[in-house]
N, C-alpha and C. Protein backbone atom coordinates (compact mmCIF):
# COMPACT_ATOMS: atom_id res chain seq x y z
N MET A 1 20.58 -185.55 122.34
CA MET A 1 21.44 -185.13 123.44
C MET A 1 20.62 -184.25 124.38
N ARG A 2 20.90 -184.34 125.68
CA ARG A 2 20.13 -183.57 126.64
C ARG A 2 20.94 -183.38 127.93
N GLY A 3 20.66 -182.25 128.57
CA GLY A 3 21.22 -182.00 129.89
C GLY A 3 22.72 -181.80 129.92
N ILE A 4 23.31 -181.39 128.81
CA ILE A 4 24.77 -181.25 128.77
C ILE A 4 25.17 -179.81 129.10
N SER A 5 26.09 -179.68 130.03
CA SER A 5 26.62 -178.38 130.40
C SER A 5 28.12 -178.53 130.64
N LEU A 6 28.92 -177.77 129.90
CA LEU A 6 30.36 -177.81 130.10
C LEU A 6 30.95 -176.46 129.75
N GLY A 7 32.12 -176.20 130.30
CA GLY A 7 32.80 -174.93 130.05
C GLY A 7 34.28 -175.15 129.85
N VAL A 8 34.91 -174.23 129.15
CA VAL A 8 36.35 -174.30 128.88
C VAL A 8 36.95 -172.95 129.22
N ARG A 9 37.96 -172.96 130.08
CA ARG A 9 38.63 -171.71 130.45
C ARG A 9 39.96 -171.59 129.74
N PRO A 10 40.45 -170.37 129.57
CA PRO A 10 41.77 -170.18 128.94
C PRO A 10 42.85 -170.99 129.65
N GLY A 11 43.72 -171.62 128.86
CA GLY A 11 44.81 -172.39 129.43
C GLY A 11 44.45 -173.81 129.83
N MET A 12 43.22 -174.23 129.52
CA MET A 12 42.78 -175.56 129.92
C MET A 12 42.44 -176.42 128.71
N VAL A 13 42.69 -177.73 128.85
CA VAL A 13 42.24 -178.72 127.88
C VAL A 13 41.09 -179.48 128.51
N ILE A 14 39.91 -179.30 127.97
CA ILE A 14 38.73 -180.03 128.44
C ILE A 14 38.49 -181.18 127.47
N LEU A 15 38.55 -182.39 127.99
CA LEU A 15 38.46 -183.60 127.18
C LEU A 15 37.07 -184.21 127.26
N VAL A 16 36.54 -184.59 126.10
CA VAL A 16 35.27 -185.30 126.03
C VAL A 16 35.54 -186.70 125.49
N LEU A 17 35.24 -187.70 126.32
CA LEU A 17 35.41 -189.09 125.95
C LEU A 17 34.05 -189.76 125.79
N GLY A 18 34.05 -190.91 125.16
CA GLY A 18 32.82 -191.68 125.02
C GLY A 18 32.96 -192.72 123.94
N ALA A 19 32.17 -193.76 124.04
CA ALA A 19 32.18 -194.82 123.03
C ALA A 19 31.62 -194.28 121.72
N ASN A 20 31.82 -195.02 120.64
CA ASN A 20 31.23 -194.65 119.37
C ASN A 20 29.71 -194.56 119.51
N GLY A 21 29.15 -193.47 118.97
CA GLY A 21 27.71 -193.29 119.06
C GLY A 21 27.23 -192.63 120.33
N SER A 22 28.17 -192.21 121.18
CA SER A 22 27.77 -191.59 122.45
C SER A 22 27.35 -190.14 122.29
N GLY A 23 27.68 -189.53 121.14
CA GLY A 23 27.26 -188.15 120.89
C GLY A 23 28.37 -187.13 120.88
N LYS A 24 29.62 -187.58 120.89
CA LYS A 24 30.75 -186.65 120.98
C LYS A 24 30.80 -185.68 119.80
N SER A 25 30.80 -186.23 118.60
CA SER A 25 30.88 -185.37 117.41
C SER A 25 29.62 -184.54 117.24
N THR A 26 28.48 -185.10 117.62
CA THR A 26 27.23 -184.32 117.56
C THR A 26 27.31 -183.12 118.48
N LEU A 27 27.87 -183.31 119.66
CA LEU A 27 28.06 -182.21 120.60
C LEU A 27 28.91 -181.10 119.98
N LEU A 28 30.04 -181.49 119.39
CA LEU A 28 30.92 -180.48 118.80
C LEU A 28 30.25 -179.77 117.64
N LYS A 29 29.54 -180.52 116.81
CA LYS A 29 28.89 -179.90 115.65
C LYS A 29 27.81 -178.92 116.07
N GLY A 30 27.16 -179.20 117.19
CA GLY A 30 26.20 -178.24 117.71
C GLY A 30 26.89 -176.97 118.20
N ILE A 31 28.04 -177.14 118.85
CA ILE A 31 28.77 -175.99 119.38
C ILE A 31 29.26 -175.10 118.25
N VAL A 32 29.75 -175.71 117.16
CA VAL A 32 30.34 -174.92 116.07
C VAL A 32 29.33 -174.57 114.98
N GLY A 33 28.06 -174.77 115.23
CA GLY A 33 27.03 -174.30 114.32
C GLY A 33 26.75 -175.18 113.12
N MET A 34 27.22 -176.42 113.15
CA MET A 34 26.99 -177.32 112.02
C MET A 34 25.72 -178.15 112.18
N LEU A 35 25.18 -178.18 113.38
CA LEU A 35 23.90 -178.84 113.64
C LEU A 35 23.04 -177.89 114.47
N PRO A 36 21.72 -177.89 114.26
CA PRO A 36 20.85 -177.00 115.03
C PRO A 36 20.74 -177.45 116.49
N ILE A 37 20.67 -176.47 117.38
CA ILE A 37 20.48 -176.75 118.80
C ILE A 37 19.02 -176.46 119.15
N GLN A 38 18.33 -177.47 119.65
CA GLN A 38 16.90 -177.33 119.96
C GLN A 38 16.66 -176.51 121.22
N SER A 39 17.56 -176.63 122.18
CA SER A 39 17.43 -175.85 123.41
C SER A 39 18.82 -175.64 123.99
N GLY A 40 18.94 -174.64 124.85
CA GLY A 40 20.23 -174.32 125.43
C GLY A 40 20.97 -173.27 124.60
N ARG A 41 22.15 -172.89 125.08
CA ARG A 41 22.93 -171.84 124.42
C ARG A 41 24.40 -172.20 124.37
N VAL A 42 25.09 -171.61 123.40
CA VAL A 42 26.54 -171.67 123.31
C VAL A 42 27.05 -170.27 123.58
N LEU A 43 27.85 -170.12 124.62
CA LEU A 43 28.39 -168.82 124.98
C LEU A 43 29.89 -168.80 124.75
N LEU A 44 30.37 -167.74 124.12
CA LEU A 44 31.80 -167.54 123.91
C LEU A 44 32.19 -166.24 124.57
N GLU A 45 32.92 -166.34 125.67
CA GLU A 45 33.31 -165.18 126.47
C GLU A 45 32.07 -164.35 126.85
N GLY A 46 31.01 -165.06 127.21
CA GLY A 46 29.79 -164.41 127.67
C GLY A 46 28.83 -164.00 126.58
N LYS A 47 29.24 -164.11 125.32
CA LYS A 47 28.40 -163.71 124.20
C LYS A 47 27.69 -164.91 123.60
N ASP A 48 26.39 -164.78 123.37
CA ASP A 48 25.60 -165.87 122.81
C ASP A 48 25.95 -166.04 121.32
N VAL A 49 26.54 -167.20 120.98
CA VAL A 49 26.91 -167.47 119.58
C VAL A 49 26.18 -168.71 119.07
N THR A 50 25.10 -169.05 119.71
CA THR A 50 24.35 -170.25 119.35
C THR A 50 23.92 -170.20 117.89
N GLY A 51 24.26 -171.26 117.14
CA GLY A 51 23.80 -171.39 115.77
C GLY A 51 24.59 -170.62 114.74
N LEU A 52 25.59 -169.85 115.15
CA LEU A 52 26.39 -169.12 114.17
C LEU A 52 27.17 -170.09 113.30
N ARG A 53 27.33 -169.73 112.03
CA ARG A 53 28.13 -170.55 111.13
C ARG A 53 29.59 -170.56 111.58
N THR A 54 30.30 -171.59 111.14
CA THR A 54 31.70 -171.75 111.54
C THR A 54 32.55 -170.54 111.17
N ASP A 55 32.30 -169.95 109.99
CA ASP A 55 33.10 -168.79 109.58
C ASP A 55 32.82 -167.58 110.45
N LEU A 56 31.57 -167.44 110.89
CA LEU A 56 31.23 -166.33 111.78
C LEU A 56 31.79 -166.57 113.18
N LEU A 57 31.81 -167.82 113.60
CA LEU A 57 32.42 -168.14 114.89
C LEU A 57 33.92 -167.84 114.88
N ALA A 58 34.55 -168.06 113.72
CA ALA A 58 35.98 -167.76 113.61
C ALA A 58 36.23 -166.28 113.87
N LYS A 59 35.34 -165.43 113.38
CA LYS A 59 35.48 -164.00 113.62
C LYS A 59 35.32 -163.66 115.10
N GLN A 60 34.57 -164.49 115.82
CA GLN A 60 34.34 -164.25 117.25
C GLN A 60 35.43 -164.85 118.13
N GLY A 61 36.35 -165.66 117.51
CA GLY A 61 37.45 -166.20 118.29
C GLY A 61 37.40 -167.70 118.55
N MET A 62 36.56 -168.43 117.80
CA MET A 62 36.48 -169.88 117.96
C MET A 62 37.05 -170.57 116.72
N GLY A 63 38.02 -171.45 116.92
CA GLY A 63 38.57 -172.23 115.83
C GLY A 63 38.07 -173.66 115.91
N TYR A 64 37.88 -174.28 114.75
CA TYR A 64 37.36 -175.65 114.72
C TYR A 64 38.16 -176.47 113.73
N VAL A 65 38.62 -177.64 114.17
CA VAL A 65 39.33 -178.56 113.30
C VAL A 65 38.54 -179.87 113.26
N PRO A 66 37.87 -180.16 112.14
CA PRO A 66 37.07 -181.39 112.04
C PRO A 66 37.97 -182.62 111.97
N GLN A 67 37.36 -183.78 112.10
CA GLN A 67 38.13 -185.02 112.06
C GLN A 67 38.73 -185.24 110.68
N SER A 68 38.05 -184.81 109.63
CA SER A 68 38.54 -184.97 108.27
C SER A 68 38.23 -183.71 107.47
N ASP A 69 38.73 -183.64 106.25
CA ASP A 69 38.47 -182.49 105.37
C ASP A 69 38.89 -181.17 106.01
N ASP A 70 40.08 -181.19 106.65
CA ASP A 70 40.55 -179.98 107.32
C ASP A 70 41.67 -179.28 106.57
N THR A 71 42.01 -179.80 105.38
CA THR A 71 43.05 -179.17 104.55
C THR A 71 42.63 -179.25 103.08
N PHE A 72 43.35 -178.48 102.24
CA PHE A 72 43.16 -178.54 100.80
C PHE A 72 44.34 -179.31 100.22
N ALA A 73 44.08 -180.53 99.76
CA ALA A 73 45.14 -181.45 99.38
C ALA A 73 45.98 -180.95 98.20
N SER A 74 45.39 -180.19 97.29
CA SER A 74 46.11 -179.77 96.08
C SER A 74 47.01 -178.56 96.32
N LEU A 75 46.92 -177.95 97.50
CA LEU A 75 47.70 -176.76 97.80
C LEU A 75 48.89 -177.09 98.68
N THR A 76 49.85 -176.19 98.72
CA THR A 76 51.00 -176.37 99.60
C THR A 76 50.61 -176.07 101.04
N VAL A 77 51.51 -176.42 101.94
CA VAL A 77 51.29 -176.12 103.35
C VAL A 77 51.13 -174.62 103.56
N ARG A 78 52.01 -173.85 102.98
CA ARG A 78 51.94 -172.39 103.13
C ARG A 78 50.61 -171.86 102.59
N GLU A 79 50.18 -172.34 101.43
CA GLU A 79 48.92 -171.88 100.84
C GLU A 79 47.73 -172.24 101.72
N ASN A 80 47.77 -173.41 102.36
CA ASN A 80 46.70 -173.78 103.28
C ASN A 80 46.63 -172.81 104.45
N LEU A 81 47.78 -172.46 104.99
CA LEU A 81 47.79 -171.53 106.11
C LEU A 81 47.30 -170.15 105.68
N GLU A 82 47.71 -169.73 104.50
CA GLU A 82 47.27 -168.42 104.01
C GLU A 82 45.75 -168.38 103.88
N LEU A 83 45.14 -169.46 103.42
CA LEU A 83 43.68 -169.50 103.34
C LEU A 83 43.06 -169.46 104.73
N GLY A 84 43.73 -170.07 105.70
CA GLY A 84 43.22 -170.04 107.06
C GLY A 84 43.21 -168.64 107.65
N GLY A 85 44.03 -167.75 107.12
CA GLY A 85 44.08 -166.38 107.62
C GLY A 85 43.28 -165.41 106.78
N TYR A 86 42.21 -165.90 106.16
CA TYR A 86 41.46 -165.09 105.19
C TYR A 86 40.89 -163.80 105.77
N LEU A 87 40.73 -163.73 107.08
CA LEU A 87 40.18 -162.51 107.68
C LEU A 87 41.26 -161.45 107.91
N LEU A 88 42.53 -161.82 107.71
CA LEU A 88 43.63 -160.89 107.92
C LEU A 88 44.00 -160.22 106.60
N GLY A 89 44.64 -159.08 106.66
CA GLY A 89 45.17 -158.47 105.45
C GLY A 89 46.39 -159.23 104.96
N ARG A 90 46.82 -158.94 103.73
CA ARG A 90 47.91 -159.70 103.12
C ARG A 90 49.18 -159.66 103.97
N LYS A 91 49.55 -158.47 104.46
CA LYS A 91 50.77 -158.36 105.26
C LYS A 91 50.65 -159.12 106.56
N ARG A 92 49.48 -159.05 107.17
CA ARG A 92 49.28 -159.76 108.44
C ARG A 92 49.26 -161.27 108.22
N ILE A 93 48.74 -161.72 107.08
CA ILE A 93 48.76 -163.15 106.77
C ILE A 93 50.21 -163.64 106.69
N ALA A 94 51.04 -162.92 105.93
CA ALA A 94 52.43 -163.32 105.76
C ALA A 94 53.16 -163.37 107.11
N LYS A 95 52.90 -162.37 107.94
CA LYS A 95 53.55 -162.31 109.25
C LYS A 95 53.08 -163.47 110.13
N ARG A 96 51.80 -163.77 110.09
CA ARG A 96 51.26 -164.84 110.93
C ARG A 96 51.79 -166.20 110.49
N VAL A 97 51.94 -166.41 109.19
CA VAL A 97 52.50 -167.67 108.70
C VAL A 97 53.91 -167.86 109.25
N VAL A 98 54.71 -166.81 109.19
CA VAL A 98 56.08 -166.89 109.70
C VAL A 98 56.07 -167.20 111.20
N GLU A 99 55.16 -166.58 111.94
CA GLU A 99 55.06 -166.83 113.38
C GLU A 99 54.76 -168.29 113.67
N LEU A 100 53.83 -168.87 112.90
CA LEU A 100 53.49 -170.27 113.13
C LEU A 100 54.64 -171.19 112.76
N PHE A 101 55.35 -170.87 111.70
CA PHE A 101 56.50 -171.68 111.32
C PHE A 101 57.56 -171.64 112.42
N GLU A 102 57.73 -170.49 113.04
CA GLU A 102 58.71 -170.36 114.12
C GLU A 102 58.24 -171.05 115.39
N GLU A 103 56.95 -170.94 115.67
CA GLU A 103 56.40 -171.55 116.88
C GLU A 103 56.36 -173.06 116.77
N PHE A 104 56.09 -173.57 115.57
CA PHE A 104 55.98 -175.02 115.35
C PHE A 104 56.91 -175.40 114.19
N PRO A 105 58.19 -175.64 114.48
CA PRO A 105 59.16 -175.95 113.42
C PRO A 105 58.77 -177.15 112.56
N LEU A 106 58.03 -178.09 113.12
CA LEU A 106 57.61 -179.24 112.33
C LEU A 106 56.79 -178.81 111.12
N ILE A 107 55.96 -177.78 111.30
CA ILE A 107 55.15 -177.27 110.20
C ILE A 107 56.02 -176.44 109.25
N GLY A 108 56.89 -175.65 109.82
CA GLY A 108 57.78 -174.84 108.99
C GLY A 108 58.61 -175.68 108.04
N ALA A 109 59.01 -176.86 108.48
CA ALA A 109 59.82 -177.74 107.65
C ALA A 109 59.04 -178.27 106.45
N LEU A 110 57.72 -178.17 106.51
CA LEU A 110 56.87 -178.70 105.43
C LEU A 110 56.37 -177.62 104.49
N HIS A 111 56.76 -176.37 104.69
CA HIS A 111 56.05 -175.23 104.12
C HIS A 111 55.84 -175.28 102.61
N GLY A 112 56.79 -175.82 101.87
CA GLY A 112 56.67 -175.81 100.42
C GLY A 112 56.07 -177.07 99.83
N ARG A 113 55.75 -178.03 100.67
CA ARG A 113 55.25 -179.31 100.17
C ARG A 113 53.74 -179.27 99.92
N THR A 114 53.30 -180.04 98.95
CA THR A 114 51.87 -180.16 98.67
C THR A 114 51.25 -181.08 99.70
N VAL A 115 50.11 -180.69 100.23
CA VAL A 115 49.48 -181.46 101.31
C VAL A 115 49.16 -182.88 100.88
N ALA A 116 48.83 -183.09 99.61
CA ALA A 116 48.51 -184.44 99.13
C ALA A 116 49.67 -185.40 99.31
N ASN A 117 50.89 -184.88 99.41
CA ASN A 117 52.08 -185.72 99.53
C ASN A 117 52.53 -185.89 100.98
N LEU A 118 51.75 -185.40 101.92
CA LEU A 118 52.10 -185.52 103.33
C LEU A 118 51.49 -186.78 103.94
N SER A 119 52.05 -187.19 105.06
CA SER A 119 51.46 -188.29 105.82
C SER A 119 50.19 -187.80 106.52
N GLY A 120 49.41 -188.73 107.04
CA GLY A 120 48.18 -188.35 107.75
C GLY A 120 48.46 -187.45 108.94
N GLY A 121 49.52 -187.75 109.67
CA GLY A 121 49.87 -186.92 110.82
C GLY A 121 50.30 -185.54 110.42
N GLU A 122 51.08 -185.45 109.36
CA GLU A 122 51.53 -184.14 108.88
C GLU A 122 50.33 -183.31 108.40
N ARG A 123 49.39 -183.96 107.74
CA ARG A 123 48.19 -183.24 107.30
C ARG A 123 47.42 -182.68 108.49
N LYS A 124 47.34 -183.48 109.57
CA LYS A 124 46.61 -183.00 110.74
C LYS A 124 47.32 -181.80 111.36
N LEU A 125 48.64 -181.80 111.37
CA LEU A 125 49.37 -180.64 111.86
C LEU A 125 49.02 -179.40 111.06
N VAL A 126 48.92 -179.56 109.75
CA VAL A 126 48.56 -178.43 108.88
C VAL A 126 47.14 -177.98 109.16
N GLY A 127 46.23 -178.93 109.37
CA GLY A 127 44.84 -178.57 109.66
C GLY A 127 44.72 -177.75 110.94
N ILE A 128 45.47 -178.15 111.96
CA ILE A 128 45.46 -177.39 113.21
C ILE A 128 46.07 -176.02 113.01
N ALA A 129 47.19 -175.97 112.28
CA ALA A 129 47.85 -174.69 112.03
C ALA A 129 46.94 -173.73 111.27
N ARG A 130 46.15 -174.25 110.33
CA ARG A 130 45.19 -173.39 109.60
C ARG A 130 44.24 -172.72 110.57
N ALA A 131 43.74 -173.50 111.53
CA ALA A 131 42.81 -172.93 112.51
C ALA A 131 43.50 -171.91 113.41
N LEU A 132 44.80 -172.06 113.61
CA LEU A 132 45.53 -171.15 114.50
C LEU A 132 45.88 -169.83 113.83
N MET A 133 45.72 -169.75 112.53
CA MET A 133 46.07 -168.51 111.82
C MET A 133 45.33 -167.30 112.40
N LEU A 134 44.09 -167.49 112.84
CA LEU A 134 43.29 -166.38 113.35
C LEU A 134 43.40 -166.22 114.87
N ARG A 135 44.36 -166.91 115.47
CA ARG A 135 44.58 -166.83 116.93
C ARG A 135 43.29 -167.08 117.71
N PRO A 136 42.67 -168.23 117.55
CA PRO A 136 41.42 -168.47 118.29
C PRO A 136 41.65 -168.51 119.79
N ARG A 137 40.71 -167.96 120.52
CA ARG A 137 40.78 -168.05 121.98
C ARG A 137 40.24 -169.38 122.47
N LEU A 138 39.37 -169.99 121.66
CA LEU A 138 38.88 -171.34 121.92
C LEU A 138 39.13 -172.18 120.68
N LEU A 139 39.82 -173.31 120.84
CA LEU A 139 40.07 -174.23 119.74
C LEU A 139 39.31 -175.52 120.00
N VAL A 140 38.47 -175.92 119.05
CA VAL A 140 37.66 -177.13 119.17
C VAL A 140 38.24 -178.18 118.23
N LEU A 141 38.63 -179.32 118.79
CA LEU A 141 39.29 -180.37 118.02
C LEU A 141 38.47 -181.66 118.07
N ASP A 142 38.11 -182.18 116.90
CA ASP A 142 37.33 -183.41 116.81
C ASP A 142 38.24 -184.57 116.41
N GLU A 143 38.63 -185.37 117.40
CA GLU A 143 39.45 -186.56 117.21
C GLU A 143 40.68 -186.30 116.32
N PRO A 144 41.57 -185.44 116.76
CA PRO A 144 42.73 -185.08 115.93
C PRO A 144 43.71 -186.21 115.68
N THR A 145 43.68 -187.28 116.50
CA THR A 145 44.65 -188.37 116.29
C THR A 145 44.03 -189.57 115.59
N ALA A 146 42.83 -189.44 115.05
CA ALA A 146 42.17 -190.57 114.39
C ALA A 146 43.05 -191.12 113.27
N SER A 147 43.29 -192.42 113.29
CA SER A 147 44.05 -193.14 112.27
C SER A 147 45.54 -192.80 112.25
N LEU A 148 46.03 -192.11 113.27
CA LEU A 148 47.45 -191.75 113.29
C LEU A 148 48.25 -192.77 114.10
N THR A 149 49.55 -192.83 113.84
CA THR A 149 50.44 -193.71 114.59
C THR A 149 50.55 -193.22 116.03
N PRO A 150 50.94 -194.12 116.96
CA PRO A 150 51.14 -193.68 118.35
C PRO A 150 52.14 -192.53 118.46
N GLU A 151 53.19 -192.57 117.64
CA GLU A 151 54.21 -191.53 117.70
C GLU A 151 53.64 -190.17 117.28
N MET A 152 52.89 -190.15 116.18
CA MET A 152 52.32 -188.88 115.72
C MET A 152 51.18 -188.43 116.64
N SER A 153 50.46 -189.37 117.22
CA SER A 153 49.42 -189.01 118.18
C SER A 153 50.02 -188.27 119.37
N GLU A 154 51.18 -188.74 119.82
CA GLU A 154 51.85 -188.07 120.93
C GLU A 154 52.30 -186.67 120.55
N VAL A 155 52.78 -186.51 119.32
CA VAL A 155 53.19 -185.18 118.84
C VAL A 155 51.99 -184.24 118.86
N ILE A 156 50.85 -184.71 118.32
CA ILE A 156 49.66 -183.87 118.26
C ILE A 156 49.21 -183.45 119.65
N LEU A 157 49.12 -184.42 120.55
CA LEU A 157 48.56 -184.15 121.88
C LEU A 157 49.54 -183.43 122.79
N GLN A 158 50.77 -183.89 122.83
CA GLN A 158 51.73 -183.32 123.78
C GLN A 158 52.37 -182.03 123.27
N ARG A 159 52.76 -182.00 122.00
CA ARG A 159 53.53 -180.86 121.49
C ARG A 159 52.67 -179.80 120.82
N PHE A 160 51.40 -180.10 120.60
CA PHE A 160 50.52 -179.10 120.02
C PHE A 160 49.39 -178.75 120.98
N VAL A 161 48.56 -179.72 121.31
CA VAL A 161 47.39 -179.44 122.15
C VAL A 161 47.81 -178.89 123.51
N ARG A 162 48.73 -179.60 124.19
CA ARG A 162 49.14 -179.15 125.51
C ARG A 162 49.90 -177.83 125.44
N GLN A 163 50.73 -177.67 124.43
CA GLN A 163 51.50 -176.43 124.27
C GLN A 163 50.57 -175.25 124.04
N LEU A 164 49.53 -175.45 123.24
CA LEU A 164 48.57 -174.36 122.98
C LEU A 164 47.86 -173.94 124.26
N ALA A 165 47.44 -174.93 125.03
CA ALA A 165 46.76 -174.60 126.29
C ALA A 165 47.70 -173.88 127.25
N ASP A 166 48.92 -174.35 127.34
CA ASP A 166 49.88 -173.72 128.25
C ASP A 166 50.17 -172.28 127.84
N ALA A 167 49.96 -171.96 126.57
CA ALA A 167 50.16 -170.59 126.09
C ALA A 167 48.90 -169.73 126.27
N GLY A 168 47.82 -170.33 126.81
CA GLY A 168 46.63 -169.54 127.13
C GLY A 168 45.39 -169.84 126.32
N THR A 169 45.49 -170.71 125.31
CA THR A 169 44.32 -171.04 124.50
C THR A 169 43.43 -172.01 125.26
N ALA A 170 42.11 -171.81 125.16
CA ALA A 170 41.16 -172.78 125.69
C ALA A 170 40.95 -173.85 124.63
N VAL A 171 41.05 -175.13 125.03
CA VAL A 171 40.94 -176.23 124.08
C VAL A 171 39.83 -177.19 124.51
N LEU A 172 38.91 -177.44 123.59
CA LEU A 172 37.88 -178.46 123.79
C LEU A 172 38.23 -179.61 122.87
N LEU A 173 38.54 -180.75 123.45
CA LEU A 173 39.10 -181.89 122.72
C LEU A 173 38.19 -183.10 122.82
N VAL A 174 37.76 -183.63 121.67
CA VAL A 174 37.11 -184.92 121.60
C VAL A 174 38.14 -185.90 121.07
N GLU A 175 38.29 -187.03 121.77
CA GLU A 175 39.36 -187.95 121.39
C GLU A 175 38.96 -189.39 121.73
N GLN A 176 39.37 -190.32 120.87
CA GLN A 176 39.13 -191.74 121.10
C GLN A 176 40.26 -192.41 121.87
N LYS A 177 41.48 -191.91 121.70
CA LYS A 177 42.63 -192.50 122.39
C LYS A 177 42.66 -191.98 123.81
N ALA A 178 41.88 -192.65 124.65
CA ALA A 178 41.55 -192.12 125.97
C ALA A 178 42.77 -191.90 126.85
N LEU A 179 43.61 -192.91 127.00
CA LEU A 179 44.74 -192.79 127.93
C LEU A 179 45.71 -191.70 127.49
N GLU A 180 45.97 -191.62 126.19
CA GLU A 180 46.86 -190.59 125.68
C GLU A 180 46.28 -189.19 125.91
N ALA A 181 44.98 -189.06 125.69
CA ALA A 181 44.33 -187.76 125.87
C ALA A 181 44.23 -187.37 127.34
N LEU A 182 44.01 -188.34 128.21
CA LEU A 182 43.95 -188.04 129.64
C LEU A 182 45.26 -187.44 130.15
N ALA A 183 46.36 -187.81 129.50
CA ALA A 183 47.67 -187.32 129.93
C ALA A 183 47.84 -185.82 129.70
N VAL A 184 47.04 -185.22 128.82
CA VAL A 184 47.20 -183.79 128.53
C VAL A 184 46.00 -182.97 128.99
N ALA A 185 44.96 -183.64 129.48
CA ALA A 185 43.72 -182.94 129.84
C ALA A 185 43.76 -182.38 131.26
N ASP A 186 42.98 -181.32 131.46
CA ASP A 186 42.82 -180.74 132.80
C ASP A 186 41.52 -181.18 133.45
N TRP A 187 40.54 -181.54 132.65
CA TRP A 187 39.25 -182.03 133.16
C TRP A 187 38.62 -182.90 132.08
N THR A 188 37.84 -183.88 132.51
CA THR A 188 37.28 -184.85 131.57
C THR A 188 35.79 -185.05 131.78
N HIS A 189 35.06 -185.06 130.66
CA HIS A 189 33.65 -185.43 130.66
C HIS A 189 33.51 -186.72 129.86
N VAL A 190 32.74 -187.67 130.38
CA VAL A 190 32.47 -188.92 129.66
C VAL A 190 31.01 -188.92 129.24
N LEU A 191 30.78 -189.02 127.92
CA LEU A 191 29.43 -189.06 127.39
C LEU A 191 28.95 -190.50 127.25
N VAL A 192 27.71 -190.72 127.65
CA VAL A 192 27.04 -192.00 127.45
C VAL A 192 25.63 -191.72 126.98
N SER A 193 25.29 -192.21 125.80
CA SER A 193 23.95 -192.03 125.23
C SER A 193 23.51 -190.57 125.22
N GLY A 194 24.41 -189.69 124.81
CA GLY A 194 24.06 -188.29 124.66
C GLY A 194 23.98 -187.49 125.94
N GLN A 195 24.45 -188.05 127.04
CA GLN A 195 24.46 -187.33 128.32
C GLN A 195 25.83 -187.45 128.97
N ILE A 196 26.16 -186.46 129.80
CA ILE A 196 27.40 -186.54 130.56
C ILE A 196 27.19 -187.47 131.73
N ALA A 197 27.90 -188.62 131.71
CA ALA A 197 27.75 -189.61 132.77
C ALA A 197 28.74 -189.36 133.90
N ILE A 198 29.94 -188.87 133.57
CA ILE A 198 30.98 -188.63 134.56
C ILE A 198 31.72 -187.35 134.21
N SER A 199 32.01 -186.53 135.19
CA SER A 199 32.86 -185.35 135.04
C SER A 199 33.88 -185.39 136.16
N GLU A 200 35.15 -185.60 135.81
CA GLU A 200 36.17 -185.78 136.83
C GLU A 200 37.54 -185.33 136.33
N HIS A 201 38.45 -185.21 137.29
CA HIS A 201 39.84 -184.95 136.95
C HIS A 201 40.40 -186.17 136.23
N PRO A 202 41.25 -185.98 135.22
CA PRO A 202 41.77 -187.11 134.45
C PRO A 202 42.41 -188.20 135.29
N GLU A 203 43.07 -187.83 136.39
CA GLU A 203 43.74 -188.84 137.22
C GLU A 203 42.76 -189.88 137.74
N GLN A 204 41.51 -189.47 137.93
CA GLN A 204 40.51 -190.38 138.47
C GLN A 204 40.03 -191.40 137.45
N LEU A 205 40.38 -191.20 136.19
CA LEU A 205 39.88 -192.09 135.14
C LEU A 205 40.98 -192.90 134.46
N ARG A 206 42.19 -192.86 134.98
CA ARG A 206 43.28 -193.55 134.30
C ARG A 206 43.29 -195.06 134.56
N ASP A 207 42.57 -195.50 135.56
CA ASP A 207 42.44 -196.93 135.78
C ASP A 207 41.59 -197.53 134.65
N MET A 208 42.13 -198.54 133.97
CA MET A 208 41.47 -199.08 132.79
C MET A 208 40.10 -199.67 133.10
N ASP A 209 39.96 -200.35 134.23
CA ASP A 209 38.65 -200.92 134.58
C ASP A 209 37.63 -199.83 134.81
N ARG A 210 38.05 -198.78 135.50
CA ARG A 210 37.12 -197.69 135.77
C ARG A 210 36.76 -196.95 134.48
N LEU A 211 37.74 -196.79 133.61
CA LEU A 211 37.49 -196.11 132.35
C LEU A 211 36.51 -196.92 131.49
N ALA A 212 36.69 -198.23 131.45
CA ALA A 212 35.77 -199.08 130.69
C ALA A 212 34.36 -199.00 131.26
N THR A 213 34.27 -198.98 132.59
CA THR A 213 32.96 -198.85 133.23
C THR A 213 32.30 -197.53 132.88
N ALA A 214 33.10 -196.46 132.87
CA ALA A 214 32.57 -195.15 132.54
C ALA A 214 32.06 -195.11 131.11
N PHE A 215 32.79 -195.72 130.18
CA PHE A 215 32.37 -195.73 128.77
C PHE A 215 31.03 -196.43 128.60
N LEU A 216 30.80 -197.45 129.44
CA LEU A 216 29.56 -198.21 129.33
C LEU A 216 28.42 -197.61 130.15
N GLY A 217 28.74 -196.55 130.89
CA GLY A 217 27.70 -195.89 131.67
C GLY A 217 27.35 -196.59 132.95
N GLY A 218 28.26 -197.45 133.42
CA GLY A 218 28.00 -198.18 134.65
C GLY A 218 28.43 -197.43 135.87
N SER A 219 28.34 -198.06 137.01
CA SER A 219 28.71 -197.46 138.30
C SER A 219 29.84 -198.25 138.91
N ASP A 220 30.73 -197.55 139.62
CA ASP A 220 31.83 -198.24 140.30
C ASP A 220 31.33 -199.16 141.39
N ASP A 221 30.11 -198.92 141.89
CA ASP A 221 29.57 -199.72 142.99
C ASP A 221 28.81 -200.93 142.50
N ALA A 222 28.69 -201.10 141.17
CA ALA A 222 27.88 -202.20 140.64
C ALA A 222 28.53 -203.55 140.95
């Protein structure tokens, strides 16, 4: 990857699109400290956090939800959230869990269930809620709707991602379901071969022909 520069402001959903192998997940893993960065910097509210481990980034205000392995299947929903608040004291953990249940009733309704018995969409809701326990100022999401039904994908994107941004959280979203993600994004970057090929307002990319051209790295004038 080379020459990539992007920023996320509070209250905004910044969407990263691209075909398989374009570098989307590699970009996120570099940002959250899971892959080494050879050059360049990652800044969080002006502070250089390049290369910090994910747990240290959490202390600085960055939350990360990977595409998979984002929950503990043998634990209940409540126990998963409690683990997500590990930096808080016991009383603050309990209070924060209640806040999330009230803010997102869909999660509250699942509180006593074991994650292994949830649907894929329900598990993803729990994974996002775990990351929210520490009130991240920046939330990084790697393909949160992967393998989910259209109905649950809409719940994730419209009722969680967009709601979080509207409440002031900065969201960096990598997503394969382009049209659905464009509906909630404020700005879009399209990656091609590890580089940003297009940076535009989502409305400019909703035309299917243009979107396909962008994914392939072509030009509208070709």
